[in-house]
Amino acid sequence: MYNWLKIGAFIVADRFLDPRLKGLLVLVAFWLMVKSLHGEYRSSVALSGYTQFLVTAALSKIGLYVLAFAAYVLTV
C-alpha cells in the first residue's frame, strides 16, 4: 500500500517539477552567484574597514533575490 503512495507521490512531483525545472535551476544558480559576490564584498569590507556601502550592498542583494523570484514566477 505504502509503495503505491510513494510511487504516486514521485509521479505527481515529477509532473509538477518537469516544466519548472530549468527555471528553478537558473534561479538557484543566480541566487548562488549573488550570494558569492556579496560574500566577496563583505570579505573585502572586513579587510579594508570601509563600511560606507555595506547597507546598500545588503539591500541590493535582497532586491536582486526578490526580482529574480518575481521574474521566475512571471515566466513560469
PDB file of N, CA and C in Angstrom:
ATOM      1  N   MET A   1       0.826  -1.192   0.000  1.00  0.00           N
ATOM      2  CA  MET A   1       0.000   0.000   0.000  1.00  0.00           C
ATOM      3  C   MET A   1       0.870   1.255   0.000  1.00  0.00           C
ATOM      4  N   TYR A   2       1.860   1.290   0.909  1.00  0.00           N
ATOM      5  CA  TYR A   2       2.690   2.485   1.009  1.00  0.00           C
ATOM      6  C   TYR A   2       3.594   2.644  -0.202  1.00  0.00           C
ATOM      7  N   ASN A   3       3.972   1.539  -0.835  1.00  0.00           N
ATOM      8  CA  ASN A   3       4.791   1.638  -2.035  1.00  0.00           C
ATOM      9  C   ASN A   3       4.028   2.342  -3.150  1.00  0.00           C
ATOM     10  N   TRP A   4       2.725   2.075  -3.260  1.00  0.00           N
ATOM     11  CA  TRP A   4       1.929   2.747  -4.279  1.00  0.00           C
ATOM     12  C   TRP A   4       1.830   4.236  -3.981  1.00  0.00           C
ATOM     13  N   LEU A   5       1.734   4.590  -2.712  1.00  0.00           N
ATOM     14  CA  LEU A   5       1.681   6.009  -2.347  1.00  0.00           C
ATOM     15  C   LEU A   5       2.992   6.702  -2.690  1.00  0.00           C
ATOM     16  N   LYS A   6       4.107   6.025  -2.438  1.00  0.00           N
ATOM     17  CA  LYS A   6       5.411   6.612  -2.776  1.00  0.00           C
ATOM     18  C   LYS A   6       5.555   6.788  -4.279  1.00  0.00           C
ATOM     19  N   ILE A   7       5.163   5.784  -5.020  1.00  0.00           N
ATOM     20  CA  ILE A   7       5.259   5.866  -6.475  1.00  0.00           C
ATOM     21  C   ILE A   7       4.355   6.978  -6.998  1.00  0.00           C
ATOM     22  N   GLY A   8       3.156   7.071  -6.462  1.00  0.00           N
ATOM     23  CA  GLY A   8       2.233   8.132  -6.867  1.00  0.00           C
ATOM     24  C   GLY A   8       2.773   9.514  -6.527  1.00  0.00           C
ATOM     25  N   ALA A   9       3.394   9.642  -5.351  1.00  0.00           N
ATOM     26  CA  ALA A   9       3.973  10.923  -4.960  1.00  0.00           C
ATOM     27  C   ALA A   9       5.117  11.311  -5.886  1.00  0.00           C
ATOM     28  N   PHE A  10       5.949  10.371  -6.269  1.00  0.00           N
ATOM     29  CA  PHE A  10       7.045  10.659  -7.194  1.00  0.00           C
ATOM     30  C   PHE A  10       6.528  11.061  -8.575  1.00  0.00           C
ATOM     31  N   ILE A  11       5.472  10.409  -9.031  1.00  0.00           N
ATOM     32  CA  ILE A  11       4.906  10.750 -10.339  1.00  0.00           C
ATOM     33  C   ILE A  11       4.315  12.156 -10.310  1.00  0.00           C
ATOM     34  N   VAL A  12       3.583  12.475  -9.260  1.00  0.00           N
ATOM     35  CA  VAL A  12       2.995  13.809  -9.141  1.00  0.00           C
ATOM     36  C   VAL A  12       4.082  14.867  -9.036  1.00  0.00           C
ATOM     37  N   ALA A  13       5.113  14.618  -8.239  1.00  0.00           N
ATOM     38  CA  ALA A  13       6.212  15.581  -8.102  1.00  0.00           C
ATOM     39  C   ALA A  13       6.938  15.767  -9.433  1.00  0.00           C
ATOM     40  N   ASP A  14       7.130  14.683 -10.171  1.00  0.00           N
ATOM     41  CA  ASP A  14       7.803  14.779 -11.470  1.00  0.00           C
ATOM     42  C   ASP A  14       6.976  15.588 -12.456  1.00  0.00           C
ATOM     43  N   ARG A  15       5.694  15.357 -12.495  1.00  0.00           N
ATOM     44  CA  ARG A  15       4.830  16.102 -13.418  1.00  0.00           C
ATOM     45  C   ARG A  15       4.745  17.572 -13.023  1.00  0.00           C
ATOM     46  N   PHE A  16       4.816  17.869 -11.742  1.00  0.00           N
ATOM     47  CA  PHE A  16       4.759  19.260 -11.283  1.00  0.00           C
ATOM     48  C   PHE A  16       6.068  19.984 -11.578  1.00  0.00           C
ATOM     49  N   LEU A  17       7.209  19.332 -11.331  1.00  0.00           N
ATOM     50  CA  LEU A  17       8.505  19.991 -11.481  1.00  0.00           C
ATOM     51  C   LEU A  17       9.062  19.961 -12.890  1.00  0.00           C
ATOM     52  N   ASP A  18       8.580  19.070 -13.729  1.00  0.00           N
ATOM     53  CA  ASP A  18       9.157  18.915 -15.067  1.00  0.00           C
ATOM     54  C   ASP A  18       9.162  20.216 -15.874  1.00  0.00           C
ATOM     55  N   PRO A  19       8.061  20.945 -15.998  1.00  0.00           N
ATOM     56  CA  PRO A  19       8.128  22.185 -16.775  1.00  0.00           C
ATOM     57  C   PRO A  19       8.834  23.324 -16.040  1.00  0.00           C
ATOM     58  N   ARG A  20       9.028  23.199 -14.757  1.00  0.00           N
ATOM     59  CA  ARG A  20       9.621  24.266 -13.956  1.00  0.00           C
ATOM     60  C   ARG A  20      11.098  24.041 -13.626  1.00  0.00           C
ATOM     61  N   LEU A  21      11.628  22.895 -14.001  1.00  0.00           N
ATOM     62  CA  LEU A  21      12.962  22.512 -13.553  1.00  0.00           C
ATOM     63  C   LEU A  21      14.049  23.442 -14.095  1.00  0.00           C
ATOM     64  N   LYS A  22      13.998  23.784 -15.361  1.00  0.00           N
ATOM     65  CA  LYS A  22      15.020  24.651 -15.950  1.00  0.00           C
ATOM     66  C   LYS A  22      15.008  26.023 -15.275  1.00  0.00           C
ATOM     67  N   GLY A  23      13.826  26.583 -15.054  1.00  0.00           N
ATOM     68  CA  GLY A  23      13.716  27.875 -14.382  1.00  0.00           C
ATOM     69  C   GLY A  23      14.224  27.824 -12.955  1.00  0.00           C
ATOM     70  N   LEU A  24      13.924  26.729 -12.258  1.00  0.00           N
ATOM     71  CA  LEU A  24      14.415  26.590 -10.883  1.00  0.00           C
ATOM     72  C   LEU A  24      15.932  26.507 -10.837  1.00  0.00           C
ATOM     73  N   LEU A  25      16.514  25.789 -11.787  1.00  0.00           N
ATOM     74  CA  LEU A  25      17.970  25.682 -11.827  1.00  0.00           C
ATOM     75  C   LEU A  25      18.619  27.032 -12.112  1.00  0.00           C
ATOM     76  N   VAL A  26      18.042  27.797 -13.026  1.00  0.00           N
ATOM     77  CA  VAL A  26      18.562  29.135 -13.329  1.00  0.00           C
ATOM     78  C   VAL A  26      18.414  30.041 -12.116  1.00  0.00           C
ATOM     79  N   LEU A  27      17.275  29.956 -11.429  1.00  0.00           N
ATOM     80  CA  LEU A  27      17.044  30.775 -10.237  1.00  0.00           C
ATOM     81  C   LEU A  27      18.039  30.442  -9.139  1.00  0.00           C
ATOM     82  N   VAL A  28      18.263  29.177  -8.879  1.00  0.00           N
ATOM     83  CA  VAL A  28      19.212  28.770  -7.840  1.00  0.00           C
ATOM     84  C   VAL A  28      20.637  29.185  -8.212  1.00  0.00           C
ATOM     85  N   ALA A  29      20.999  29.037  -9.484  1.00  0.00           N
ATOM     86  CA  ALA A  29      22.338  29.452  -9.926  1.00  0.00           C
ATOM     87  C   ALA A  29      22.521  30.958  -9.758  1.00  0.00           C
ATOM     88  N   PHE A  30      21.500  31.739 -10.091  1.00  0.00           N
ATOM     89  CA  PHE A  30      21.582  33.186  -9.927  1.00  0.00           C
ATOM     90  C   PHE A  30      21.713  33.559  -8.452  1.00  0.00           C
ATOM     91  N   TRP A  31      20.903  32.914  -7.593  1.00  0.00           N
ATOM     92  CA  TRP A  31      20.987  33.200  -6.162  1.00  0.00           C
ATOM     93  C   TRP A  31      22.362  32.853  -5.605  1.00  0.00           C
ATOM     94  N   LEU A  32      22.933  31.737  -6.032  1.00  0.00           N
ATOM     95  CA  LEU A  32      24.266  31.357  -5.561  1.00  0.00           C
ATOM     96  C   LEU A  32      25.324  32.342  -6.042  1.00  0.00           C
ATOM     97  N   MET A  33      25.181  32.841  -7.257  1.00  0.00           N
ATOM     98  CA  MET A  33      26.122  33.825  -7.778  1.00  0.00           C
ATOM     99  C   MET A  33      26.035  35.128  -6.979  1.00  0.00           C
ATOM    100  N   VAL A  34      24.822  35.596  -6.706  1.00  0.00           N
ATOM    101  CA  VAL A  34      24.653  36.828  -5.935  1.00  0.00           C
ATOM    102  C   VAL A  34      25.194  36.630  -4.524  1.00  0.00           C
ATOM    103  N   LYS A  35      24.927  35.482  -3.932  1.00  0.00           N
ATOM    104  CA  LYS A  35      25.426  35.196  -2.580  1.00  0.00           C
ATOM    105  C   LYS A  35      26.948  35.185  -2.549  1.00  0.00           C
ATOM    106  N   SER A  36      27.558  34.595  -3.559  1.00  0.00           N
ATOM    107  CA  SER A  36      29.012  34.549  -3.636  1.00  0.00           C
ATOM    108  C   SER A  36      29.607  35.941  -3.806  1.00  0.00           C
ATOM    109  N   LEU A  37      29.036  36.727  -4.712  1.00  0.00           N
ATOM    110  CA  LEU A  37      29.546  38.086  -4.924  1.00  0.00           C
ATOM    111  C   LEU A  37      29.386  38.948  -3.678  1.00  0.00           C
ATOM    112  N   HIS A  38      28.266  38.804  -2.990  1.00  0.00           N
ATOM    113  CA  HIS A  38      28.065  39.572  -1.761  1.00  0.00           C
ATOM    114  C   HIS A  38      29.047  39.130  -0.674  1.00  0.00           C
ATOM    115  N   GLY A  39      29.318  37.840  -0.611  1.00  0.00           N
ATOM    116  CA  GLY A  39      30.307  37.348   0.356  1.00  0.00           C
ATOM    117  C   GLY A  39      31.695  37.885   0.074  1.00  0.00           C
ATOM    118  N   GLU A  40      32.059  37.964  -1.208  1.00  0.00           N
ATOM    119  CA  GLU A  40      33.358  38.549  -1.565  1.00  0.00           C
ATOM    120  C   GLU A  40      33.419  40.011  -1.165  1.00  0.00           C
ATOM    121  N   TYR A  41      32.334  40.730  -1.385  1.00  0.00           N
ATOM    122  CA  TYR A  41      32.304  42.140  -0.999  1.00  0.00           C
ATOM    123  C   TYR A  41      32.434  42.290   0.517  1.00  0.00           C
ATOM    124  N   ARG A  42      31.730  41.441   1.257  1.00  0.00           N
ATOM    125  CA  ARG A  42      31.828  41.517   2.721  1.00  0.00           C
ATOM    126  C   ARG A  42      33.236  41.190   3.193  1.00  0.00           C
ATOM    127  N   SER A  43      33.907  40.267   2.534  1.00  0.00           N
ATOM    128  CA  SER A  43      35.289  39.943   2.897  1.00  0.00           C
ATOM    129  C   SER A  43      36.207  41.129   2.644  1.00  0.00           C
ATOM    130  N   SER A  44      36.009  41.806   1.520  1.00  0.00           N
ATOM    131  CA  SER A  44      36.846  42.976   1.248  1.00  0.00           C
ATOM    132  C   SER A  44      36.545  44.106   2.211  1.00  0.00           C
ATOM    133  N   VAL A  45      35.306  44.240   2.648  1.00  0.00           N
ATOM    134  CA  VAL A  45      34.957  45.257   3.644  1.00  0.00           C
ATOM    135  C   VAL A  45      35.605  44.916   4.978  1.00  0.00           C
ATOM    136  N   ALA A  46      35.611  43.648   5.329  1.00  0.00           N
ATOM    137  CA  ALA A  46      36.229  43.244   6.596  1.00  0.00           C
ATOM    138  C   ALA A  46      37.727  43.530   6.591  1.00  0.00           C
ATOM    139  N   LEU A  47      38.364  43.355   5.447  1.00  0.00           N
ATOM    140  CA  LEU A  47      39.796  43.620   5.356  1.00  0.00           C
ATOM    141  C   LEU A  47      40.105  45.112   5.343  1.00  0.00           C
ATOM    142  N   SER A  48      39.300  45.894   4.624  1.00  0.00           N
ATOM    143  CA  SER A  48      39.606  47.312   4.469  1.00  0.00           C
ATOM    144  C   SER A  48      38.989  48.176   5.565  1.00  0.00           C
ATOM    145  N   GLY A  49      37.865  47.752   6.115  1.00  0.00           N
ATOM    146  CA  GLY A  49      37.193  48.544   7.141  1.00  0.00           C
ATOM    147  C   GLY A  49      36.349  49.667   6.551  1.00  0.00           C
ATOM    148  N   TYR A  50      36.212  49.722   5.243  1.00  0.00           N
ATOM    149  CA  TYR A  50      35.438  50.766   4.569  1.00  0.00           C
ATOM    150  C   TYR A  50      33.983  50.293   4.456  1.00  0.00           C
ATOM    151  N   THR A  51      33.142  50.716   5.394  1.00  0.00           N
ATOM    152  CA  THR A  51      31.788  50.181   5.522  1.00  0.00           C
ATOM    153  C   THR A  51      30.706  51.130   5.012  1.00  0.00           C
ATOM    154  N   GLN A  52      31.067  52.094   4.203  1.00  0.00           N
ATOM    155  CA  GLN A  52      30.105  53.099   3.772  1.00  0.00           C
ATOM    156  C   GLN A  52      28.962  52.496   2.959  1.00  0.00           C
ATOM    157  N   PHE A  53      29.233  51.546   2.092  1.00  0.00           N
ATOM    158  CA  PHE A  53      28.205  50.999   1.196  1.00  0.00           C
ATOM    159  C   PHE A  53      27.720  49.614   1.619  1.00  0.00           C
ATOM    160  N   LEU A  54      27.973  49.222   2.851  1.00  0.00           N
ATOM    161  CA  LEU A  54      27.601  47.880   3.294  1.00  0.00           C
ATOM    162  C   LEU A  54      26.085  47.688   3.336  1.00  0.00           C
ATOM    163  N   VAL A  55      25.366  48.663   3.849  1.00  0.00           N
ATOM    164  CA  VAL A  55      23.902  48.568   3.917  1.00  0.00           C
ATOM    165  C   VAL A  55      23.315  48.563   2.506  1.00  0.00           C
ATOM    166  N   THR A  56      23.861  49.402   1.635  1.00  0.00           N
ATOM    167  CA  THR A  56      23.388  49.443   0.252  1.00  0.00           C
ATOM    168  C   THR A  56      23.609  48.090  -0.432  1.00  0.00           C
ATOM    169  N   ALA A  57      24.739  47.464  -0.186  1.00  0.00           N
ATOM    170  CA  ALA A  57      25.026  46.162  -0.784  1.00  0.00           C
ATOM    171  C   ALA A  57      24.060  45.095  -0.266  1.00  0.00           C
ATOM    172  N   ALA A  58      23.759  45.132   1.022  1.00  0.00           N
ATOM    173  CA  ALA A  58      22.833  44.143   1.590  1.00  0.00           C
ATOM    174  C   ALA A  58      21.428  44.336   1.026  1.00  0.00           C
ATOM    175  N   LEU A  59      20.986  45.576   0.916  1.00  0.00           N
ATOM    176  CA  LEU A  59      19.658  45.826   0.355  1.00  0.00           C
ATOM    177  C   LEU A  59      19.613  45.485  -1.133  1.00  0.00           C
ATOM    178  N   SER A  60      20.709  45.712  -1.836  1.00  0.00           N
ATOM    179  CA  SER A  60      20.772  45.339  -3.252  1.00  0.00           C
ATOM    180  C   SER A  60      20.682  43.827  -3.416  1.00  0.00           C
ATOM    181  N   LYS A  61      21.341  43.095  -2.528  1.00  0.00           N
ATOM    182  CA  LYS A  61      21.279  41.631  -2.590  1.00  0.00           C
ATOM    183  C   LYS A  61      19.848  41.150  -2.382  1.00  0.00           C
ATOM    184  N   ILE A  62      19.172  41.698  -1.401  1.00  0.00           N
ATOM    185  CA  ILE A  62      17.789  41.307  -1.135  1.00  0.00           C
ATOM    186  C   ILE A  62      16.907  41.688  -2.317  1.00  0.00           C
ATOM    187  N   GLY A  63      17.133  42.870  -2.880  1.00  0.00           N
ATOM    188  CA  GLY A  63      16.363  43.300  -4.040  1.00  0.00           C
ATOM    189  C   GLY A  63      16.566  42.393  -5.239  1.00  0.00           C
ATOM    190  N   LEU A  64      17.804  41.966  -5.469  1.00  0.00           N
ATOM    191  CA  LEU A  64      18.065  41.039  -6.575  1.00  0.00           C
ATOM    192  C   LEU A  64      17.399  39.694  -6.344  1.00  0.00           C
ATOM    193  N   TYR A  65      17.389  39.216  -5.106  1.00  0.00           N
ATOM    194  CA  TYR A  65      16.697  37.967  -4.793  1.00  0.00           C
ATOM    195  C   TYR A  65      15.205  38.085  -5.124  1.00  0.00           C
ATOM    196  N   VAL A  66      14.602  39.190  -4.696  1.00  0.00           N
ATOM    197  CA  VAL A  66      13.170  39.385  -4.921  1.00  0.00           C
ATOM    198  C   VAL A  66      12.875  39.519  -6.413  1.00  0.00           C
ATOM    199  N   LEU A  67      13.694  40.295  -7.139  1.00  0.00           N
ATOM    200  CA  LEU A  67      13.482  40.460  -8.581  1.00  0.00           C
ATOM    201  C   LEU A  67      13.647  39.144  -9.334  1.00  0.00           C
ATOM    202  N   ALA A  68      14.636  38.345  -8.936  1.00  0.00           N
ATOM    203  CA  ALA A  68      14.834  37.053  -9.590  1.00  0.00           C
ATOM    204  C   ALA A  68      13.646  36.133  -9.339  1.00  0.00           C
ATOM    205  N   PHE A  69      13.140  36.120  -8.124  1.00  0.00           N
ATOM    206  CA  PHE A  69      11.992  35.277  -7.815  1.00  0.00           C
ATOM    207  C   PHE A  69      10.748  35.763  -8.559  1.00  0.00           C
ATOM    208  N   ALA A  70      10.561  37.090  -8.631  1.00  0.00           N
ATOM    209  CA  ALA A  70       9.409  37.636  -9.365  1.00  0.00           C
ATOM    210  C   ALA A  70       9.516  37.289 -10.848  1.00  0.00           C
ATOM    211  N   ALA A  71      10.706  37.376 -11.423  1.00  0.00           N
ATOM    212  CA  ALA A  71      10.881  37.023 -12.829  1.00  0.00           C
ATOM    213  C   ALA A  71      10.585  35.545 -13.046  1.00  0.00           C
ATOM    214  N   TYR A  72      10.994  34.708 -12.108  1.00  0.00           N
ATOM    215  CA  TYR A  72      10.714  33.269 -12.220  1.00  0.00           C
ATOM    216  C   TYR A  72       9.202  33.022 -12.185  1.00  0.00           C
ATOM    217  N   VAL A  73       8.529  33.649 -11.235  1.00  0.00           N
ATOM    218  CA  VAL A  73       7.082  33.432 -11.096  1.00  0.00           C
ATOM    219  C   VAL A  73       6.341  33.924 -12.343  1.00  0.00           C
ATOM    220  N   LEU A  74       6.775  35.062 -12.892  1.00  0.00           N
ATOM    221  CA  LEU A  74       6.078  35.609 -14.049  1.00  0.00           C
ATOM    222  C   LEU A  74       6.343  34.819 -15.323  1.00  0.00           C
ATOM    223  N   THR A  75       7.501  34.168 -15.418  1.00  0.00           N
ATOM    224  CA  THR A  75       7.814  33.427 -16.637  1.00  0.00           C
ATOM    225  C   THR A  75       7.360  31.976 -16.591  1.00  0.00           C
ATOM    226  N   VAL A  76       7.145  31.438 -15.423  1.00  0.00           N
ATOM    227  CA  VAL A  76       6.726  30.033 -15.323  1.00  0.00           C
ATOM    228  C   VAL A  76       5.287  29.960 -15.059  1.00  0.00           C
TER     229      VAL A  76
END
